[in-house]
Amino acid sequence: MSFMKSILGSVAALALTTTAALADPAIIFDLGGKFDKSFNEAAFKGAERWADETGGSFREIELQNEAQREQALRRFAEAGSNPIVMAGFAFADALSKVAPDYPDTKFAVIDVNWLSMPNVRGIGFNEHEGSYLVGMMAAQASETGVVGFVGGMDIPLIRRFGCGYAQGVKAVNPNATVIANMTGTTPAAWNDPVKGSELTKAQISQGADVVFAAAGGTGVGVLQTAADEGILSIGVDSNQNYLHPGKVLTSMLKRVDIAVYEAFTAGNNLETGNFMGAVGFAMDEHNASLVSSDMQAKVESAEAAISSGSLSVHNYTDDETCPAVSF
């Protein structure tokens, strides 16, 4: 693997090595860290893939607090990093302030596709559609007719996951019950596996036998508890099937890794504007015994229908309503 410049801790103490090429790309991970086994880790894998294939190097930082967002962007821009990639919607405000000051620097931000700036690439995802697919699978696997959803921070983005999931469940079993809980209302909700475990146990006590976690690092606690209690879980963002083989039904894939890889590959030639990334669901040797060919065929049929436009999944963020579940 190529050398990666790891810049940790306080941005005030950020020290940039002179061995880097002027235009080395950079990535800023959101709170929760690059080894959260979910969203941030998917971003890290995309950067790693680029480094492995090209022999290039990149700079990186794991944020410790909110104040570091703008500081990190400015320090990387001043150091000549290009492009600078951010993992998470929470960078929108800081990026809006910083990008105009560095017109020759390209920026890419994941989960933000509403900014219109000449040097910014925004990448959004149809999380509601990917969640619909794993919701269908949850309903087919459930024996109790009760399934759960554990979200991270209670924001419209995560409600979009939960709403799509509930719609997929109801499409298979209109009489199913979907229990939805959020972990919290602050960024700490992304990295609280203990609370994730507690919410999972509470849902199990209400009959849930499949639980979908869309909660960053908190989801690790959800998946662990589900495995310990003998029910199925569904991972998110990265393929988390491997964490508990034979216990994770599937993972809703949000191809953050591809978004980062493509941004790094484009370098100074990064095309700006707003784009949509890919979503899907994970099948591998770790969940093959849990998903019958019939189950997979039904989900793939729905995936094709969504792609063709013949099946529409309600997007919570369109009107902040959800016809299938209450939060």
Protein backbone atom coordinates (compact mmCIF):
# COMPACT_ATOMS: atom_id res chain seq x y z
CA MET A 1 0.00 0.00 0.00
CA SER A 2 1.28 3.51 -0.77
CA PHE A 3 2.21 5.96 1.94
CA MET A 4 -0.77 7.87 3.31
CA LYS A 5 -0.33 11.10 5.22
CA SER A 6 -2.38 10.75 8.35
CA ILE A 7 -3.21 14.02 10.04
CA LEU A 8 -4.91 13.33 13.34
CA GLY A 9 -6.00 15.33 16.37
CA SER A 10 -6.14 19.09 16.45
CA VAL A 11 -6.05 20.86 13.12
CA ALA A 12 -4.05 23.57 14.84
CA ALA A 13 -1.25 21.04 15.15
CA LEU A 14 -1.66 19.77 11.60
CA ALA A 15 1.75 19.12 10.12
CA LEU A 16 2.01 18.51 6.39
CA THR A 17 4.95 16.45 5.21
CA THR A 18 7.06 17.91 2.42
CA THR A 19 7.35 14.52 0.73
CA ALA A 20 3.85 14.95 -0.71
CA ALA A 21 3.32 16.09 -4.24
CA LEU A 22 1.72 19.51 -4.48
CA ALA A 23 -1.60 18.18 -5.77
CA ASP A 24 -2.00 15.21 -3.45
CA PRO A 25 -5.73 14.69 -2.85
CA ALA A 26 -7.10 14.85 0.68
CA ILE A 27 -10.05 13.36 2.50
CA ILE A 28 -11.78 14.59 5.65
CA PHE A 29 -13.70 11.95 7.60
CA ASP A 30 -16.75 12.87 9.61
CA LEU A 31 -17.22 12.32 13.33
CA GLY A 32 -17.16 8.62 14.10
CA GLY A 33 -13.83 8.02 12.39
CA LYS A 34 -12.58 6.19 9.35
CA PHE A 35 -12.88 2.79 11.02
CA ASP A 36 -16.60 3.03 11.87
CA LYS A 37 -17.18 -0.07 9.69
CA SER A 38 -19.85 1.90 7.84
CA PHE A 39 -20.03 5.30 6.12
CA ASN A 40 -16.58 6.73 6.88
CA GLU A 41 -14.88 3.40 6.35
CA ALA A 42 -16.48 3.12 2.92
CA ALA A 43 -14.94 6.48 2.06
CA PHE A 44 -11.56 5.32 3.37
CA LYS A 45 -11.71 2.16 1.26
CA GLY A 46 -12.27 4.26 -1.83
CA ALA A 47 -9.19 6.33 -1.04
CA GLU A 48 -7.17 3.20 -0.29
CA ARG A 49 -8.18 1.63 -3.58
CA TRP A 50 -7.00 4.71 -5.46
CA ALA A 51 -3.67 4.69 -3.60
CA ASP A 52 -3.14 0.96 -4.17
CA GLU A 53 -3.87 1.18 -7.90
CA THR A 54 -1.92 4.34 -8.63
CA GLY A 55 0.90 4.27 -6.09
CA GLY A 56 -0.18 7.76 -5.14
CA SER A 57 -0.53 9.22 -1.67
CA PHE A 58 -3.24 11.23 0.00
CA ARG A 59 -3.69 13.36 3.07
CA GLU A 60 -6.41 12.67 5.62
CA ILE A 61 -7.87 13.79 8.93
CA GLU A 62 -10.43 12.33 11.31
CA LEU A 63 -12.40 15.18 12.87
CA GLN A 64 -12.64 15.40 16.63
CA ASN A 65 -15.16 18.24 16.83
CA GLU A 66 -17.41 20.44 14.71
CA ALA A 67 -15.08 23.44 14.78
CA GLN A 68 -12.47 21.57 12.76
CA ARG A 69 -14.54 21.38 9.59
CA GLU A 70 -13.68 24.80 8.20
CA GLN A 71 -10.16 24.71 9.66
CA ALA A 72 -9.35 21.40 7.97
CA LEU A 73 -10.70 22.57 4.62
CA ARG A 74 -8.61 25.72 4.70
CA ARG A 75 -5.42 23.98 5.81
CA PHE A 76 -5.67 21.34 3.08
CA ALA A 77 -6.46 23.99 0.46
CA GLU A 78 -3.53 26.13 1.59
CA ALA A 79 -1.27 23.05 1.40
CA GLY A 80 -2.24 22.49 -2.24
CA SER A 81 -4.32 19.35 -1.88
CA ASN A 82 -6.52 18.83 -4.92
CA PRO A 83 -9.20 17.57 -4.86
CA ILE A 84 -10.39 17.72 -1.26
CA VAL A 85 -13.11 15.21 -0.45
CA MET A 86 -15.47 15.46 2.52
CA ALA A 87 -17.46 12.54 3.94
CA GLY A 88 -20.83 13.81 5.11
CA PHE A 89 -23.64 16.34 4.75
CA ALA A 90 -22.44 18.30 7.80
CA PHE A 91 -19.66 19.85 5.69
CA ALA A 92 -22.11 21.88 3.60
CA ASP A 93 -21.92 25.12 5.60
CA ALA A 94 -18.14 25.09 5.98
CA LEU A 95 -17.66 24.28 2.31
CA SER A 96 -19.94 27.15 1.29
CA LYS A 97 -17.61 29.52 3.13
CA VAL A 98 -14.31 28.01 2.02
CA ALA A 99 -14.77 27.02 -1.64
CA PRO A 100 -15.08 30.60 -3.00
CA ASP A 101 -11.75 31.49 -1.39
CA TYR A 102 -9.92 28.77 -3.33
CA PRO A 103 -11.31 28.87 -6.88
CA ASP A 104 -8.47 26.74 -8.27
CA THR A 105 -9.11 23.92 -5.79
CA LYS A 106 -11.68 21.23 -6.55
CA PHE A 107 -13.87 19.99 -3.71
CA ALA A 108 -16.10 16.91 -3.56
CA VAL A 109 -18.66 16.43 -0.81
CA ILE A 110 -20.64 13.26 -0.15
CA ASP A 111 -24.32 13.45 0.85
CA VAL A 112 -24.59 17.04 -0.36
CA ASN A 113 -26.11 17.57 -3.80
CA TRP A 114 -27.78 20.95 -3.48
CA LEU A 115 -24.83 23.34 -3.64
CA SER A 116 -24.19 25.15 -6.91
CA MET A 117 -20.57 26.29 -6.89
CA PRO A 118 -18.14 26.23 -9.83
CA ASN A 119 -15.43 24.22 -8.03
CA VAL A 120 -17.63 21.81 -6.05
CA ARG A 121 -18.80 18.31 -6.92
CA GLY A 122 -21.78 17.14 -4.84
CA ILE A 123 -22.64 13.44 -4.60
CA GLY A 124 -26.05 12.38 -3.34
CA PHE A 125 -27.62 8.94 -3.03
CA ASN A 126 -31.14 7.57 -3.30
CA GLU A 127 -30.96 5.96 0.14
CA HIS A 128 -34.71 5.47 0.22
CA GLU A 129 -34.51 3.19 -2.81
CA GLY A 130 -31.70 1.02 -1.47
CA SER A 131 -33.50 0.84 1.88
CA TYR A 132 -36.69 -0.26 0.12
CA LEU A 133 -34.83 -3.25 -1.30
CA VAL A 134 -33.46 -4.41 2.05
CA GLY A 135 -36.89 -3.79 3.58
CA MET A 136 -38.33 -6.27 1.11
CA MET A 137 -35.71 -8.78 2.16
CA ALA A 138 -36.41 -8.15 5.85
CA ALA A 139 -40.12 -8.82 5.40
CA GLN A 140 -39.42 -12.06 3.54
CA ALA A 141 -37.02 -13.27 6.24
CA SER A 142 -39.15 -12.23 9.24
CA GLU A 143 -41.07 -14.97 11.01
CA THR A 144 -42.85 -12.67 13.45
CA GLY A 145 -44.05 -10.01 11.06
CA VAL A 146 -42.27 -7.42 13.20
CA VAL A 147 -39.06 -5.74 12.03
CA GLY A 148 -37.00 -2.87 13.40
CA PHE A 149 -35.08 0.17 12.26
CA VAL A 150 -32.39 1.92 14.33
CA GLY A 151 -31.31 5.28 12.96
CA GLY A 152 -28.38 7.38 14.09
CA MET A 153 -28.89 11.13 14.39
CA ASP A 154 -32.53 12.11 13.88
CA ILE A 155 -32.24 14.09 10.65
CA PRO A 156 -34.19 13.99 7.35
CA LEU A 157 -31.42 11.93 5.69
CA ILE A 158 -31.82 9.09 8.18
CA ARG A 159 -35.58 9.31 8.09
CA ARG A 160 -35.24 8.78 4.35
CA PHE A 161 -33.54 5.46 5.09
CA GLY A 162 -36.23 4.44 7.56
CA CYS A 163 -39.11 5.47 5.35
CA GLY A 164 -37.79 3.60 2.33
CA TYR A 165 -37.15 0.53 4.46
CA ALA A 166 -40.69 0.55 5.85
CA GLN A 167 -42.15 0.86 2.36
CA GLY A 168 -40.19 -2.17 1.22
CA VAL A 169 -41.38 -4.15 4.23
CA LYS A 170 -45.01 -3.20 3.59
CA ALA A 171 -44.73 -4.04 -0.11
CA VAL A 172 -44.07 -7.66 0.85
CA ASN A 173 -46.27 -7.83 3.95
CA PRO A 174 -48.86 -5.03 4.29
CA ASN A 175 -49.68 -6.26 7.80
CA ALA A 176 -46.10 -6.11 9.05
CA THR A 177 -45.14 -3.88 11.98
CA VAL A 178 -42.10 -1.62 11.62
CA ILE A 179 -40.59 -0.27 14.85
CA ALA A 180 -38.39 2.76 14.24
CA ASN A 181 -36.10 4.44 16.78
CA MET A 182 -33.45 7.11 16.47
CA THR A 183 -30.34 7.06 18.62
CA GLY A 184 -30.19 10.78 19.36
CA THR A 185 -30.33 14.35 18.10
CA THR A 186 -26.63 15.28 18.19
CA PRO A 187 -23.60 14.01 16.23
CA ALA A 188 -22.78 11.71 19.17
CA ALA A 189 -25.59 9.50 17.86
CA TRP A 190 -23.25 8.24 15.13
CA ASN A 191 -20.87 6.60 17.58
CA ASP A 192 -22.88 5.10 20.44
CA PRO A 193 -22.90 1.30 20.08
CA VAL A 194 -24.15 0.88 23.66
CA LYS A 195 -27.30 2.88 22.87
CA GLY A 196 -27.64 0.95 19.62
CA SER A 197 -27.58 -2.28 21.62
CA GLU A 198 -30.20 -0.98 24.05
CA LEU A 199 -32.56 0.05 21.25
CA THR A 200 -32.13 -3.33 19.57
CA LYS A 201 -33.00 -5.20 22.75
CA ALA A 202 -36.09 -3.03 23.18
CA GLN A 203 -37.22 -3.80 19.65
CA ILE A 204 -36.62 -7.51 20.18
CA SER A 205 -38.81 -7.35 23.28
CA GLN A 206 -41.58 -6.07 21.01
CA GLY A 207 -41.20 -8.99 18.63
CA ALA A 208 -38.70 -7.75 16.07
CA ASP A 209 -36.65 -10.51 14.48
CA VAL A 210 -34.88 -8.41 11.81
CA VAL A 211 -33.33 -5.01 12.57
CA PHE A 212 -31.85 -2.56 10.04
CA ALA A 213 -29.23 -0.15 11.38
CA ALA A 214 -28.54 3.15 9.61
CA ALA A 215 -26.47 4.68 12.35
CA GLY A 216 -22.76 4.77 11.50
CA GLY A 217 -20.61 3.37 14.31
CA THR A 218 -23.69 2.95 16.50
CA GLY A 219 -24.80 0.24 14.12
CA VAL A 220 -21.93 -1.97 15.28
CA GLY A 221 -23.79 -2.35 18.57
CA VAL A 222 -27.02 -3.12 16.75
CA LEU A 223 -25.46 -5.88 14.66
CA GLN A 224 -23.61 -7.37 17.62
CA THR A 225 -26.70 -7.49 19.81
CA ALA A 226 -28.84 -8.94 17.05
CA ALA A 227 -26.30 -11.74 16.59
CA ASP A 228 -26.09 -12.34 20.35
CA GLU A 229 -29.88 -12.46 20.69
CA GLY A 230 -30.39 -14.80 17.75
CA ILE A 231 -32.15 -12.46 15.33
CA LEU A 232 -31.07 -11.08 11.96
CA SER A 233 -29.65 -7.65 11.25
CA ILE A 234 -29.11 -5.55 8.15
CA GLY A 235 -25.95 -3.48 7.70
CA VAL A 236 -25.54 -0.15 5.96
CA ASP A 237 -23.26 1.84 3.63
CA SER A 238 -20.38 -0.69 3.59
CA ASN A 239 -20.91 -4.42 3.15
CA GLN A 240 -21.15 -5.47 6.80
CA ASN A 241 -22.16 -9.09 6.14
CA TYR A 242 -18.74 -10.29 7.26
CA LEU A 243 -19.08 -8.86 10.77
CA HIS A 244 -21.40 -11.68 11.84
CA PRO A 245 -21.49 -14.35 9.11
CA GLY A 246 -24.83 -16.08 8.94
CA LYS A 247 -26.45 -13.41 11.13
CA VAL A 248 -26.44 -10.35 8.87
CA LEU A 249 -29.23 -10.79 6.33
CA THR A 250 -27.74 -8.25 3.91
CA SER A 251 -26.31 -4.74 3.84
CA MET A 252 -27.74 -1.69 2.11
CA LEU A 253 -24.83 -0.57 -0.02
CA LYS A 254 -24.19 3.11 -0.49
CA ARG A 255 -21.22 3.28 -2.82
CA VAL A 256 -19.36 6.02 -1.04
CA ASP A 257 -16.16 4.15 -1.87
CA ILE A 258 -16.78 4.60 -5.59
CA ALA A 259 -17.55 8.29 -5.14
CA VAL A 260 -14.22 8.87 -3.37
CA TYR A 261 -12.25 6.69 -5.79
CA GLU A 262 -13.66 8.53 -8.80
CA ALA A 263 -12.95 11.95 -7.27
CA PHE A 264 -9.35 11.04 -6.48
CA THR A 265 -8.89 9.53 -9.94
CA ALA A 266 -10.17 12.67 -11.65
CA GLY A 267 -7.81 14.86 -9.64
CA ASN A 268 -7.56 18.41 -10.99
CA ASN A 269 -9.92 17.41 -13.81
CA LEU A 270 -12.78 16.60 -11.43
CA GLU A 271 -16.09 17.43 -13.07
CA THR A 272 -18.12 19.70 -10.84
CA GLY A 273 -21.87 19.90 -10.37
CA ASN A 274 -24.30 17.62 -8.58
CA PHE A 275 -24.38 13.87 -9.20
CA MET A 276 -26.06 10.76 -7.84
CA GLY A 277 -24.10 7.76 -6.55
CA ALA A 278 -25.10 4.11 -6.65
CA VAL A 279 -27.04 2.13 -4.03
CA GLY A 280 -27.84 -1.57 -3.78
CA PHE A 281 -27.75 -4.58 -1.48
CA ALA A 282 -24.99 -7.02 -0.64
CA MET A 283 -24.87 -10.71 -1.50
CA ASP A 284 -21.80 -12.81 -0.68
CA GLU A 285 -20.68 -16.02 0.98
CA HIS A 286 -21.55 -14.63 4.41
CA ASN A 287 -25.29 -14.30 3.79
CA ALA A 288 -25.87 -16.80 0.97
CA SER A 289 -27.49 -19.30 3.33
CA LEU A 290 -29.96 -16.67 4.58
CA VAL A 291 -31.30 -15.48 1.24
CA SER A 292 -33.19 -17.94 -0.95
CA SER A 293 -33.14 -17.63 -4.72
CA ASP A 294 -36.79 -16.61 -4.60
CA MET A 295 -36.10 -13.84 -2.08
CA GLN A 296 -33.23 -12.52 -4.14
CA ALA A 297 -35.25 -12.68 -7.37
CA LYS A 298 -38.06 -10.59 -5.86
CA VAL A 299 -35.65 -7.94 -4.66
CA GLU A 300 -33.79 -7.85 -7.97
CA SER A 301 -37.11 -7.48 -9.80
CA ALA A 302 -37.96 -4.48 -7.63
CA GLU A 303 -34.48 -3.05 -8.20
CA ALA A 304 -35.02 -3.24 -11.95
CA ALA A 305 -38.45 -1.64 -11.63
CA ILE A 306 -37.00 1.26 -9.62
CA SER A 307 -34.26 1.70 -12.21
CA SER A 308 -36.76 1.75 -15.08
CA GLY A 309 -39.06 4.16 -13.29
CA SER A 310 -42.00 1.77 -13.11
CA LEU A 311 -41.69 1.59 -9.32
CA SER A 312 -41.51 4.79 -7.29
CA VAL A 313 -40.37 4.87 -3.68
CA HIS A 314 -41.59 7.81 -1.62
CA ASN A 315 -38.71 10.08 -0.60
CA TYR A 316 -39.15 11.41 2.94
CA THR A 317 -37.21 14.58 2.19
CA ASP A 318 -39.63 15.59 -0.55
CA ASP A 319 -42.34 16.53 1.95
CA GLU A 320 -41.11 15.21 5.33
CA THR A 321 -43.88 12.64 5.49
CA CYS A 322 -43.75 8.86 5.44
CA PRO A 323 -46.78 6.71 4.61
CA ALA A 324 -45.36 3.54 6.12
CA VAL A 325 -43.84 4.29 9.54
CA SER A 326 -43.87 6.78 12.39
CA PHE A 327 -40.63 8.12 13.84
